[in-house]
Amino acid sequence: MAVLRLRPLASALVRLERLASRPLGAIVLFVLSLGVYALRALGWPLQIGRDLDEYLYVYIQLLDRHPLLPWSMLFRTPVTPIVAGLSLDVAGGALAEPVMAVLFAASVVAWSAAAAAFSARAAILVACALLVYPAYGLMFHELCSEPVFSAAYALLALLVVRAWQRPSGGRFVWVGLGIALCALVRPGNAVLLVLALFPVAVPG
């Protein structure tokens, strides 16, 4: 009887693994992640995050030759100010929460795709963990640098895994661009420059 009860679960897992191995699986996961974000947004709508005022100072002075408040620009890199500033500037701020939702969904898909390099089951487990674990999802309900960095870091992880799977000069260039993106999100991420040694560690 126990074996008969487990058969539907086993067959469902097989179907999920097949779906995770196809491009359609990424689309389904992206839409599911948007749904999870929307559900959480009912109880935790987008809020002002840490140091948002500093990032907005950078945004409004980004193209000024003589900024009035230069200190913010000296300690903040431009990607987060651009993402936060544009999302609040366009359409009267109506795009801010959808932008965070897209970043959340894209990061879940990127981590799952990176895990798929090991197995389809690993991709499913990673996706489930990120969707269920509240702390990761709720981080994207504050407008600050953390969700932007999380999305950028997920992209970098995917680029590193792809370069490890099939090493090539072009893929290593993309890894370098991913490192630069993370450093431009938050200056402390410059420590990721150690990944410049990554091509030396890849066999062949």
C-alpha atoms as a PDB file:
ATOM      1  CA  MET A   1       0.000   0.000   0.000  1.00  0.00           C
ATOM      2  CA  ALA A   2       2.825   2.392   0.848  1.00  0.00           C
ATOM      3  CA  VAL A   3       4.440   1.746  -2.535  1.00  0.00           C
ATOM      4  CA  LEU A   4       1.145   2.458  -4.302  1.00  0.00           C
ATOM      5  CA  ARG A   5       0.822   5.750  -2.435  1.00  0.00           C
ATOM      6  CA  LEU A   6       4.346   6.819  -3.375  1.00  0.00           C
ATOM      7  CA  ARG A   7       3.902   6.130  -7.079  1.00  0.00           C
ATOM      8  CA  PRO A   8       1.877   9.319  -7.776  1.00  0.00           C
ATOM      9  CA  LEU A   9       4.509  11.377  -5.946  1.00  0.00           C
ATOM     10  CA  ALA A  10       7.307   9.718  -7.888  1.00  0.00           C
ATOM     11  CA  SER A  11       5.571  10.298 -11.212  1.00  0.00           C
ATOM     12  CA  ALA A  12       4.871  13.937 -10.284  1.00  0.00           C
ATOM     13  CA  LEU A  13       8.552  14.425  -9.434  1.00  0.00           C
ATOM     14  CA  VAL A  14       9.566  12.925 -12.772  1.00  0.00           C
ATOM     15  CA  ARG A  15       7.253  15.345 -14.594  1.00  0.00           C
ATOM     16  CA  LEU A  16       8.663  18.257 -12.616  1.00  0.00           C
ATOM     17  CA  GLU A  17      12.221  17.211 -13.450  1.00  0.00           C
ATOM     18  CA  ARG A  18      11.336  17.033 -17.131  1.00  0.00           C
ATOM     19  CA  LEU A  19       9.778  20.478 -16.948  1.00  0.00           C
ATOM     20  CA  ALA A  20      12.818  21.856 -15.114  1.00  0.00           C
ATOM     21  CA  SER A  21      15.034  20.622 -17.955  1.00  0.00           C
ATOM     22  CA  ARG A  22      13.115  22.635 -20.569  1.00  0.00           C
ATOM     23  CA  PRO A  23      12.978  26.375 -21.300  1.00  0.00           C
ATOM     24  CA  LEU A  24       9.264  26.240 -20.492  1.00  0.00           C
ATOM     25  CA  GLY A  25      10.231  25.389 -16.916  1.00  0.00           C
ATOM     26  CA  ALA A  26      12.014  28.732 -16.527  1.00  0.00           C
ATOM     27  CA  ILE A  27       8.928  30.581 -17.787  1.00  0.00           C
ATOM     28  CA  VAL A  28       6.635  28.672 -15.422  1.00  0.00           C
ATOM     29  CA  LEU A  29       8.988  29.341 -12.490  1.00  0.00           C
ATOM     30  CA  PHE A  30       9.175  33.053 -13.355  1.00  0.00           C
ATOM     31  CA  VAL A  31       5.373  33.386 -13.415  1.00  0.00           C
ATOM     32  CA  LEU A  32       5.053  31.356 -10.193  1.00  0.00           C
ATOM     33  CA  SER A  33       7.618  33.606  -8.511  1.00  0.00           C
ATOM     34  CA  LEU A  34       5.655  36.691  -9.540  1.00  0.00           C
ATOM     35  CA  GLY A  35       2.561  35.122  -7.981  1.00  0.00           C
ATOM     36  CA  VAL A  36       4.399  34.412  -4.727  1.00  0.00           C
ATOM     37  CA  TYR A  37       5.663  38.003  -4.641  1.00  0.00           C
ATOM     38  CA  ALA A  38       2.166  39.380  -5.257  1.00  0.00           C
ATOM     39  CA  LEU A  39       0.735  37.215  -2.473  1.00  0.00           C
ATOM     40  CA  ARG A  40       3.342  38.416   0.016  1.00  0.00           C
ATOM     41  CA  ALA A  41       2.832  42.012  -1.123  1.00  0.00           C
ATOM     42  CA  LEU A  42      -0.699  41.848   0.280  1.00  0.00           C
ATOM     43  CA  GLY A  43       0.753  41.657   3.781  1.00  0.00           C
ATOM     44  CA  TRP A  44       4.055  43.437   3.153  1.00  0.00           C
ATOM     45  CA  PRO A  45       3.757  46.132   0.474  1.00  0.00           C
ATOM     46  CA  LEU A  46       6.915  47.773  -0.801  1.00  0.00           C
ATOM     47  CA  GLN A  47       8.548  49.993   1.809  1.00  0.00           C
ATOM     48  CA  ILE A  48      11.408  52.457   2.020  1.00  0.00           C
ATOM     49  CA  GLY A  49      14.655  50.583   2.511  1.00  0.00           C
ATOM     50  CA  ARG A  50      17.915  51.393   4.222  1.00  0.00           C
ATOM     51  CA  ASP A  51      19.756  54.499   2.911  1.00  0.00           C
ATOM     52  CA  LEU A  52      17.217  55.101   0.147  1.00  0.00           C
ATOM     53  CA  ASP A  53      17.655  58.857   0.588  1.00  0.00           C
ATOM     54  CA  GLU A  54      21.377  58.531  -0.168  1.00  0.00           C
ATOM     55  CA  TYR A  55      20.680  56.586  -3.360  1.00  0.00           C
ATOM     56  CA  LEU A  56      18.143  59.178  -4.470  1.00  0.00           C
ATOM     57  CA  TYR A  57      20.678  61.960  -3.855  1.00  0.00           C
ATOM     58  CA  VAL A  58      22.998  60.150  -6.248  1.00  0.00           C
ATOM     59  CA  TYR A  59      20.221  59.641  -8.799  1.00  0.00           C
ATOM     60  CA  ILE A  60      19.168  63.272  -9.008  1.00  0.00           C
ATOM     61  CA  GLN A  61      22.805  64.445  -9.286  1.00  0.00           C
ATOM     62  CA  LEU A  62      24.112  61.680 -11.518  1.00  0.00           C
ATOM     63  CA  LEU A  63      24.519  63.865 -14.615  1.00  0.00           C
ATOM     64  CA  ASP A  64      25.399  67.098 -12.814  1.00  0.00           C
ATOM     65  CA  ARG A  65      28.865  68.483 -13.448  1.00  0.00           C
ATOM     66  CA  HIS A  66      28.891  70.220 -10.065  1.00  0.00           C
ATOM     67  CA  PRO A  67      26.736  68.213  -7.608  1.00  0.00           C
ATOM     68  CA  LEU A  68      25.544  69.983  -4.498  1.00  0.00           C
ATOM     69  CA  LEU A  69      25.898  66.868  -2.315  1.00  0.00           C
ATOM     70  CA  PRO A  70      28.995  65.091  -3.639  1.00  0.00           C
ATOM     71  CA  TRP A  71      29.578  62.915  -0.573  1.00  0.00           C
ATOM     72  CA  SER A  72      26.714  60.593  -1.450  1.00  0.00           C
ATOM     73  CA  MET A  73      28.205  60.070  -4.901  1.00  0.00           C
ATOM     74  CA  LEU A  74      31.605  59.266  -3.451  1.00  0.00           C
ATOM     75  CA  PHE A  75      30.289  56.422  -1.293  1.00  0.00           C
ATOM     76  CA  ARG A  76      27.489  55.012  -3.498  1.00  0.00           C
ATOM     77  CA  THR A  77      27.918  53.246  -6.814  1.00  0.00           C
ATOM     78  CA  PRO A  78      25.392  54.068  -9.557  1.00  0.00           C
ATOM     79  CA  VAL A  79      23.383  50.898 -10.293  1.00  0.00           C
ATOM     80  CA  THR A  80      21.171  50.951  -7.191  1.00  0.00           C
ATOM     81  CA  PRO A  81      20.491  54.706  -7.498  1.00  0.00           C
ATOM     82  CA  ILE A  82      19.496  54.230 -11.143  1.00  0.00           C
ATOM     83  CA  VAL A  83      17.179  51.288 -10.390  1.00  0.00           C
ATOM     84  CA  ALA A  84      15.577  52.968  -7.364  1.00  0.00           C
ATOM     85  CA  GLY A  85      15.441  56.410  -8.941  1.00  0.00           C
ATOM     86  CA  LEU A  86      13.946  55.351 -12.255  1.00  0.00           C
ATOM     87  CA  SER A  87      11.394  53.054 -10.623  1.00  0.00           C
ATOM     88  CA  LEU A  88      10.175  55.997  -8.512  1.00  0.00           C
ATOM     89  CA  ASP A  89      10.578  58.645 -11.201  1.00  0.00           C
ATOM     90  CA  VAL A  90       8.668  56.911 -14.009  1.00  0.00           C
ATOM     91  CA  ALA A  91       4.867  56.707 -13.796  1.00  0.00           C
ATOM     92  CA  GLY A  92       4.791  58.433 -10.442  1.00  0.00           C
ATOM     93  CA  GLY A  93       6.407  55.513  -8.625  1.00  0.00           C
ATOM     94  CA  ALA A  94       3.869  52.949  -9.847  1.00  0.00           C
ATOM     95  CA  LEU A  95       6.666  50.850 -11.335  1.00  0.00           C
ATOM     96  CA  ALA A  96       8.650  50.454  -8.114  1.00  0.00           C
ATOM     97  CA  GLU A  97       6.865  47.362  -6.812  1.00  0.00           C
ATOM     98  CA  PRO A  98       6.636  45.626 -10.233  1.00  0.00           C
ATOM     99  CA  VAL A  99      10.379  46.204 -10.701  1.00  0.00           C
ATOM    100  CA  MET A 100      11.104  44.535  -7.358  1.00  0.00           C
ATOM    101  CA  ALA A 101       8.786  41.668  -8.307  1.00  0.00           C
ATOM    102  CA  VAL A 102      10.663  41.139 -11.570  1.00  0.00           C
ATOM    103  CA  LEU A 103      14.016  41.219  -9.760  1.00  0.00           C
ATOM    104  CA  PHE A 104      12.767  38.615  -7.287  1.00  0.00           C
ATOM    105  CA  ALA A 105      11.419  36.316 -10.004  1.00  0.00           C
ATOM    106  CA  ALA A 106      14.541  36.717 -12.135  1.00  0.00           C
ATOM    107  CA  SER A 107      16.818  35.886  -9.188  1.00  0.00           C
ATOM    108  CA  VAL A 108      14.839  32.713  -8.400  1.00  0.00           C
ATOM    109  CA  VAL A 109      15.067  31.602 -12.031  1.00  0.00           C
ATOM    110  CA  ALA A 110      18.805  32.395 -12.170  1.00  0.00           C
ATOM    111  CA  TRP A 111      19.600  30.399  -9.016  1.00  0.00           C
ATOM    112  CA  SER A 112      17.467  27.503 -10.215  1.00  0.00           C
ATOM    113  CA  ALA A 113      19.158  27.533 -13.626  1.00  0.00           C
ATOM    114  CA  ALA A 114      22.570  27.517 -11.924  1.00  0.00           C
ATOM    115  CA  ALA A 115      21.543  24.520  -9.809  1.00  0.00           C
ATOM    116  CA  ALA A 116      20.275  22.753 -12.936  1.00  0.00           C
ATOM    117  CA  ALA A 117      23.916  22.301 -13.945  1.00  0.00           C
ATOM    118  CA  PHE A 118      24.087  19.611 -11.271  1.00  0.00           C
ATOM    119  CA  SER A 119      20.659  18.030 -11.700  1.00  0.00           C
ATOM    120  CA  ALA A 120      17.048  18.865 -12.427  1.00  0.00           C
ATOM    121  CA  ARG A 121      16.156  17.793  -8.905  1.00  0.00           C
ATOM    122  CA  ALA A 122      18.660  20.260  -7.481  1.00  0.00           C
ATOM    123  CA  ALA A 123      17.062  23.009  -9.571  1.00  0.00           C
ATOM    124  CA  ILE A 124      13.615  22.132  -8.181  1.00  0.00           C
ATOM    125  CA  LEU A 125      14.881  22.081  -4.576  1.00  0.00           C
ATOM    126  CA  VAL A 126      16.620  25.443  -4.950  1.00  0.00           C
ATOM    127  CA  ALA A 127      13.523  27.011  -6.506  1.00  0.00           C
ATOM    128  CA  CYS A 128      11.280  25.653  -3.746  1.00  0.00           C
ATOM    129  CA  ALA A 129      13.648  26.833  -1.022  1.00  0.00           C
ATOM    130  CA  LEU A 130      13.792  30.387  -2.405  1.00  0.00           C
ATOM    131  CA  LEU A 131      10.031  30.573  -2.879  1.00  0.00           C
ATOM    132  CA  VAL A 132       9.211  29.212   0.577  1.00  0.00           C
ATOM    133  CA  TYR A 133      11.946  30.863   2.682  1.00  0.00           C
ATOM    134  CA  PRO A 134      10.361  34.151   3.858  1.00  0.00           C
ATOM    135  CA  ALA A 135      13.549  36.121   4.515  1.00  0.00           C
ATOM    136  CA  TYR A 136      14.737  35.907   0.913  1.00  0.00           C
ATOM    137  CA  GLY A 137      11.418  36.968  -0.576  1.00  0.00           C
ATOM    138  CA  LEU A 138      10.681  39.722   1.929  1.00  0.00           C
ATOM    139  CA  MET A 139      14.042  41.324   1.172  1.00  0.00           C
ATOM    140  CA  PHE A 140      12.557  42.365  -2.174  1.00  0.00           C
ATOM    141  CA  HIS A 141       9.758  44.268  -0.432  1.00  0.00           C
ATOM    142  CA  GLU A 142      12.126  47.083   0.558  1.00  0.00           C
ATOM    143  CA  LEU A 143      13.520  49.556  -1.949  1.00  0.00           C
ATOM    144  CA  CYS A 144      17.248  49.528  -1.226  1.00  0.00           C
ATOM    145  CA  SER A 145      20.479  47.974  -2.456  1.00  0.00           C
ATOM    146  CA  GLU A 146      19.911  44.483  -1.021  1.00  0.00           C
ATOM    147  CA  PRO A 147      17.347  43.249  -3.595  1.00  0.00           C
ATOM    148  CA  VAL A 148      19.325  44.772  -6.458  1.00  0.00           C
ATOM    149  CA  PHE A 149      22.491  43.053  -5.261  1.00  0.00           C
ATOM    150  CA  SER A 150      20.660  39.748  -4.729  1.00  0.00           C
ATOM    151  CA  ALA A 151      19.448  39.774  -8.323  1.00  0.00           C
ATOM    152  CA  ALA A 152      22.880  40.765  -9.651  1.00  0.00           C
ATOM    153  CA  TYR A 153      24.605  38.083  -7.557  1.00  0.00           C
ATOM    154  CA  ALA A 154      22.165  35.429  -8.779  1.00  0.00           C
ATOM    155  CA  LEU A 155      23.021  36.431 -12.347  1.00  0.00           C
ATOM    156  CA  LEU A 156      26.730  36.225 -11.543  1.00  0.00           C
ATOM    157  CA  ALA A 157      26.288  32.729 -10.087  1.00  0.00           C
ATOM    158  CA  LEU A 158      24.556  31.613 -13.271  1.00  0.00           C
ATOM    159  CA  LEU A 159      27.318  33.110 -15.440  1.00  0.00           C
ATOM    160  CA  VAL A 160      30.012  31.385 -13.359  1.00  0.00           C
ATOM    161  CA  VAL A 161      28.271  28.019 -13.618  1.00  0.00           C
ATOM    162  CA  ARG A 162      27.814  28.380 -17.384  1.00  0.00           C
ATOM    163  CA  ALA A 163      31.497  29.272 -17.792  1.00  0.00           C
ATOM    164  CA  TRP A 164      32.473  26.289 -15.647  1.00  0.00           C
ATOM    165  CA  GLN A 165      30.317  23.964 -17.762  1.00  0.00           C
ATOM    166  CA  ARG A 166      31.671  25.152 -21.106  1.00  0.00           C
ATOM    167  CA  PRO A 167      34.790  27.282 -20.662  1.00  0.00           C
ATOM    168  CA  SER A 168      35.410  29.890 -23.352  1.00  0.00           C
ATOM    169  CA  GLY A 169      36.817  33.377 -23.612  1.00  0.00           C
ATOM    170  CA  GLY A 170      33.389  34.854 -24.237  1.00  0.00           C
ATOM    171  CA  ARG A 171      31.873  33.220 -21.157  1.00  0.00           C
ATOM    172  CA  PHE A 172      34.741  34.469 -18.994  1.00  0.00           C
ATOM    173  CA  VAL A 173      34.112  37.976 -20.326  1.00  0.00           C
ATOM    174  CA  TRP A 174      30.483  37.669 -19.220  1.00  0.00           C
ATOM    175  CA  VAL A 175      31.673  36.578 -15.764  1.00  0.00           C
ATOM    176  CA  GLY A 176      33.857  39.681 -15.634  1.00  0.00           C
ATOM    177  CA  LEU A 177      30.901  41.872 -16.584  1.00  0.00           C
ATOM    178  CA  GLY A 178      28.834  40.180 -13.861  1.00  0.00           C
ATOM    179  CA  ILE A 179      31.531  40.984 -11.299  1.00  0.00           C
ATOM    180  CA  ALA A 180      31.584  44.602 -12.497  1.00  0.00           C
ATOM    181  CA  LEU A 181      27.791  44.797 -12.190  1.00  0.00           C
ATOM    182  CA  CYS A 182      27.898  43.555  -8.581  1.00  0.00           C
ATOM    183  CA  ALA A 183      30.619  46.073  -7.738  1.00  0.00           C
ATOM    184  CA  LEU A 184      28.557  48.875  -9.284  1.00  0.00           C
ATOM    185  CA  VAL A 185      25.566  47.864  -7.167  1.00  0.00           C
ATOM    186  CA  ARG A 186      27.475  48.155  -3.883  1.00  0.00           C
ATOM    187  CA  PRO A 187      31.135  49.209  -3.606  1.00  0.00           C
ATOM    188  CA  GLY A 188      31.882  46.528  -1.013  1.00  0.00           C
ATOM    189  CA  ASN A 189      31.249  43.907  -3.681  1.00  0.00           C
ATOM    190  CA  ALA A 190      34.616  44.768  -5.182  1.00  0.00           C
ATOM    191  CA  VAL A 191      35.855  41.835  -3.083  1.00  0.00           C
ATOM    192  CA  LEU A 192      34.326  39.640  -5.810  1.00  0.00           C
ATOM    193  CA  LEU A 193      37.243  40.645  -8.021  1.00  0.00           C
ATOM    194  CA  VAL A 194      38.927  37.564  -6.578  1.00  0.00           C
ATOM    195  CA  LEU A 195      36.769  35.661  -9.091  1.00  0.00           C
ATOM    196  CA  ALA A 196      39.110  36.998 -11.751  1.00  0.00           C
ATOM    197  CA  LEU A 197      41.180  33.930 -10.866  1.00  0.00           C
ATOM    198  CA  PHE A 198      38.247  31.715 -11.799  1.00  0.00           C
ATOM    199  CA  PRO A 199      39.521  30.843 -15.335  1.00  0.00           C
ATOM    200  CA  VAL A 200      42.749  29.500 -13.810  1.00  0.00           C
ATOM    201  CA  ALA A 201      40.770  27.043 -11.682  1.00  0.00           C
ATOM    202  CA  VAL A 202      38.724  25.645 -14.567  1.00  0.00           C
ATOM    203  CA  PRO A 203      40.235  22.475 -16.085  1.00  0.00           C
ATOM    204  CA  GLY A 204      41.328  22.933 -19.678  1.00  0.00           C
END
